[in-house]
Amino acid sequence: MHIVDGALSNPVVIGGAIAAAGGIAMGLKSLDLDRIPTAGVLSASFFVASLIHVPIGPSSVHLILNGLAGLLLGWAAFPALFVGLLLQAVFFGFGGLTVLGINTVNIALPAVLTWIIFGRLIAKGTPVQGAVWGGIGGAFSIAATTAFVAVSLALSGDEFLPAAKLGLFAHVPVMAVEAVLTGFAILLARQVKPELFYKGASA
């Protein structure tokens, strides 16, 4: 999911940087003191999970957990995921600094969309019902991320279309795994600290 430096056209890179700055500003504005520890844990979880790459043919895939971040943080997922991406770029060379903005948008915006679509559904009903919606949201966030990455590549030239299509198909197994992980995480969180979701759903 990390687009590398030099792979995208300048307009896509610049547009991504501007959009990321706006999302981070929105996220920082909504990030109250109570959710800072949650943001830190989810940023670290994203950082670790996305370091583990599984090769699939000529490509590789990894977990992202951005759906879970979005469901628990809302707009605050933007700065949380940005920090994880920044540290990966600096310490491990994943992605790059010039594409940090577009990579943030491709991962954090689907997280926010997951929260907008599924947040209220998870906050209502039983914990099990919330877990089901959480699982669907986890899969949706991966599908949306792969679609955003594909669009970013396609906007930079037709030569990237094969890579964009490969990325979509390669992440189908990741959607299933993230659905299970997100569902169980939501189930646990609903049972232990349900106010996380009610705060997010009303933000």
Protein backbone atom coordinates (compact mmCIF):
# COMPACT_ATOMS: atom_id res chain seq x y z
CA MET A 1 0.00 0.00 0.00
CA HIS A 2 3.03 2.27 0.24
CA ILE A 3 3.57 4.18 -2.98
CA VAL A 4 7.28 4.93 -3.41
CA ASP A 5 8.98 8.22 -4.22
CA GLY A 6 9.04 9.02 -7.92
CA ALA A 7 6.13 6.77 -8.87
CA LEU A 8 3.48 9.48 -9.07
CA SER A 9 3.05 12.64 -11.12
CA ASN A 10 3.65 16.00 -9.47
CA PRO A 11 -0.03 17.06 -9.48
CA VAL A 12 -1.01 13.85 -7.63
CA VAL A 13 1.79 14.31 -5.09
CA ILE A 14 0.93 17.97 -4.49
CA GLY A 15 -2.80 17.30 -4.31
CA GLY A 16 -2.20 14.48 -1.85
CA ALA A 17 -0.04 16.70 0.35
CA ILE A 18 -2.73 19.40 0.48
CA ALA A 19 -5.49 16.89 1.24
CA ALA A 20 -3.39 15.22 3.93
CA ALA A 21 -2.68 18.57 5.59
CA GLY A 22 -6.40 19.29 5.70
CA GLY A 23 -7.18 15.84 7.13
CA ILE A 24 -4.48 16.12 9.78
CA ALA A 25 -5.78 19.56 10.79
CA MET A 26 -9.30 18.13 11.14
CA GLY A 27 -7.94 15.21 13.12
CA LEU A 28 -5.92 17.32 15.54
CA LYS A 29 -8.93 19.55 16.10
CA SER A 30 -11.07 16.54 17.07
CA LEU A 31 -8.40 14.78 19.14
CA ASP A 32 -9.22 15.41 22.80
CA LEU A 33 -7.06 14.36 25.74
CA ASP A 34 -9.12 11.24 26.43
CA ARG A 35 -8.38 9.77 23.01
CA ILE A 36 -4.66 10.54 22.82
CA PRO A 37 -3.67 7.18 24.41
CA THR A 38 -5.98 5.36 21.98
CA ALA A 39 -4.45 7.24 19.07
CA GLY A 40 -0.97 6.29 20.23
CA VAL A 41 -1.83 2.61 20.54
CA LEU A 42 -3.49 2.50 17.12
CA SER A 43 -0.62 4.39 15.49
CA ALA A 44 1.82 1.86 16.94
CA SER A 45 -0.41 -1.05 15.88
CA PHE A 46 -0.52 0.25 12.32
CA PHE A 47 3.26 0.79 12.35
CA VAL A 48 3.98 -2.79 13.43
CA ALA A 49 1.26 -4.56 11.42
CA SER A 50 2.21 -2.93 8.12
CA LEU A 51 5.88 -3.84 8.55
CA ILE A 52 5.07 -7.53 8.03
CA HIS A 53 4.86 -8.15 4.28
CA VAL A 54 3.50 -11.36 2.78
CA PRO A 55 4.60 -12.00 -0.84
CA ILE A 56 1.81 -12.77 -3.31
CA GLY A 57 3.17 -13.35 -6.81
CA PRO A 58 5.23 -10.35 -7.95
CA SER A 59 3.68 -8.16 -5.25
CA SER A 60 3.31 -8.28 -1.48
CA VAL A 61 0.56 -7.40 0.97
CA HIS A 62 0.36 -6.47 4.63
CA LEU A 63 -2.18 -5.67 7.30
CA ILE A 64 -3.15 -2.02 7.76
CA LEU A 65 -5.80 -1.87 10.53
CA ASN A 66 -6.94 1.53 9.29
CA GLY A 67 -10.59 0.52 9.59
CA LEU A 68 -10.15 -0.09 13.32
CA ALA A 69 -8.29 3.21 13.66
CA GLY A 70 -11.11 5.04 11.93
CA LEU A 71 -13.85 3.40 14.00
CA LEU A 72 -12.14 4.34 17.26
CA LEU A 73 -10.72 7.74 16.32
CA GLY A 74 -12.83 9.26 13.55
CA TRP A 75 -10.96 12.17 11.97
CA ALA A 76 -8.17 11.70 14.51
CA ALA A 77 -7.13 8.65 12.47
CA PHE A 78 -5.41 11.11 10.10
CA PRO A 79 -2.66 12.30 12.49
CA ALA A 80 -2.36 8.83 14.06
CA LEU A 81 -1.76 7.09 10.74
CA PHE A 82 0.40 9.96 9.46
CA VAL A 83 2.81 9.46 12.37
CA GLY A 84 3.05 5.73 11.61
CA LEU A 85 3.73 6.39 7.93
CA LEU A 86 6.31 9.07 8.74
CA LEU A 87 8.24 6.76 11.05
CA GLN A 88 8.16 3.95 8.48
CA ALA A 89 9.49 6.27 5.78
CA VAL A 90 12.27 7.66 7.99
CA PHE A 91 13.45 4.43 9.65
CA PHE A 92 12.71 1.77 7.03
CA GLY A 93 12.35 3.64 3.75
CA PHE A 94 8.78 2.41 3.18
CA GLY A 95 7.02 4.74 0.79
CA GLY A 96 8.94 7.99 0.94
CA LEU A 97 8.82 11.56 2.16
CA THR A 98 7.64 13.17 -1.08
CA VAL A 99 4.65 10.78 -1.28
CA LEU A 100 3.91 10.92 2.44
CA GLY A 101 0.86 13.10 1.82
CA ILE A 102 -0.80 10.88 -0.77
CA ASN A 103 0.03 7.74 1.20
CA THR A 104 -1.61 9.32 4.25
CA VAL A 105 -4.73 10.18 2.27
CA ASN A 106 -4.94 6.71 0.71
CA ILE A 107 -4.86 5.05 4.14
CA ALA A 108 -6.45 7.60 6.48
CA LEU A 109 -9.36 8.80 4.32
CA PRO A 110 -10.79 5.25 4.02
CA ALA A 111 -10.46 5.03 7.81
CA VAL A 112 -12.57 8.17 8.22
CA LEU A 113 -15.10 6.94 5.64
CA THR A 114 -15.38 3.67 7.58
CA TRP A 115 -16.15 5.64 10.73
CA ILE A 116 -18.73 7.80 8.95
CA ILE A 117 -20.53 4.81 7.42
CA PHE A 118 -20.26 2.23 10.19
CA GLY A 119 -19.60 4.21 13.40
CA ARG A 120 -23.21 4.72 14.42
CA LEU A 121 -24.11 1.16 13.47
CA ILE A 122 -21.39 -0.19 15.76
CA ALA A 123 -22.45 2.08 18.63
CA LYS A 124 -26.00 0.71 18.51
CA GLY A 125 -27.30 -2.77 19.22
CA THR A 126 -25.48 -5.57 21.00
CA PRO A 127 -21.69 -6.00 21.09
CA VAL A 128 -22.02 -8.94 18.71
CA GLN A 129 -23.97 -6.85 16.22
CA GLY A 130 -21.34 -4.13 16.57
CA ALA A 131 -18.63 -6.72 15.89
CA VAL A 132 -20.36 -7.79 12.68
CA TRP A 133 -20.55 -4.20 11.45
CA GLY A 134 -16.97 -3.70 12.57
CA GLY A 135 -15.85 -6.67 10.49
CA ILE A 136 -17.65 -5.30 7.45
CA GLY A 137 -16.06 -1.92 8.10
CA GLY A 138 -12.61 -3.50 8.37
CA ALA A 139 -13.01 -5.16 4.97
CA PHE A 140 -14.44 -1.96 3.48
CA SER A 141 -11.46 0.10 4.63
CA ILE A 142 -9.04 -2.21 2.82
CA ALA A 143 -11.16 -2.21 -0.34
CA ALA A 144 -11.33 1.60 -0.25
CA THR A 145 -7.58 1.89 0.36
CA THR A 146 -6.73 -0.35 -2.59
CA ALA A 147 -9.14 1.64 -4.75
CA PHE A 148 -7.55 4.95 -3.67
CA VAL A 149 -4.07 3.59 -4.40
CA ALA A 150 -5.25 2.36 -7.80
CA VAL A 151 -6.71 5.79 -8.63
CA SER A 152 -3.49 7.50 -7.52
CA LEU A 153 -1.47 5.27 -9.84
CA ALA A 154 -3.94 5.57 -12.71
CA LEU A 155 -3.88 9.38 -12.49
CA SER A 156 -0.10 9.27 -12.90
CA GLY A 157 -0.12 7.39 -16.20
CA ASP A 158 -1.57 4.42 -18.04
CA GLU A 159 1.63 2.43 -17.47
CA PHE A 160 0.62 2.03 -13.82
CA LEU A 161 -2.76 0.42 -14.59
CA PRO A 162 -1.47 -3.21 -14.44
CA ALA A 163 0.06 -2.53 -11.03
CA ALA A 164 -3.17 -0.92 -9.85
CA LYS A 165 -5.24 -3.95 -10.92
CA LEU A 166 -2.76 -6.34 -9.30
CA GLY A 167 -3.00 -4.43 -6.04
CA LEU A 168 -6.78 -4.74 -6.00
CA PHE A 169 -6.77 -8.52 -6.45
CA ALA A 170 -3.80 -9.14 -4.17
CA HIS A 171 -5.55 -7.53 -1.21
CA VAL A 172 -8.71 -9.65 -1.30
CA PRO A 173 -7.24 -12.05 1.33
CA VAL A 174 -6.24 -9.04 3.44
CA MET A 175 -9.86 -7.86 3.42
CA ALA A 176 -10.95 -11.16 4.95
CA VAL A 177 -8.22 -11.14 7.62
CA GLU A 178 -8.86 -7.51 8.54
CA ALA A 179 -12.59 -8.18 8.77
CA VAL A 180 -11.97 -10.90 11.36
CA LEU A 181 -9.41 -8.90 13.34
CA THR A 182 -11.48 -5.72 13.33
CA GLY A 183 -14.64 -7.59 14.28
CA PHE A 184 -13.03 -9.22 17.31
CA ALA A 185 -11.36 -5.96 18.35
CA ILE A 186 -14.69 -4.14 18.18
CA LEU A 187 -16.37 -6.90 20.17
CA LEU A 188 -13.78 -6.59 22.93
CA ALA A 189 -13.86 -2.79 22.92
CA ARG A 190 -17.68 -2.71 23.02
CA GLN A 191 -17.61 -4.95 26.08
CA VAL A 192 -14.77 -3.16 27.88
CA LYS A 193 -15.11 0.49 26.88
CA PRO A 194 -18.25 1.14 24.81
CA GLU A 195 -18.07 4.91 25.30
CA LEU A 196 -15.30 5.03 22.68
CA PHE A 197 -17.86 4.37 19.97
CA TYR A 198 -20.58 6.63 21.30
CA LYS A 199 -18.12 9.53 21.40
CA GLY A 200 -16.92 8.77 17.88
CA ALA A 201 -20.44 8.37 16.53
CA SER A 202 -21.52 11.72 17.87
CA ALA A 203 -18.45 13.69 16.78
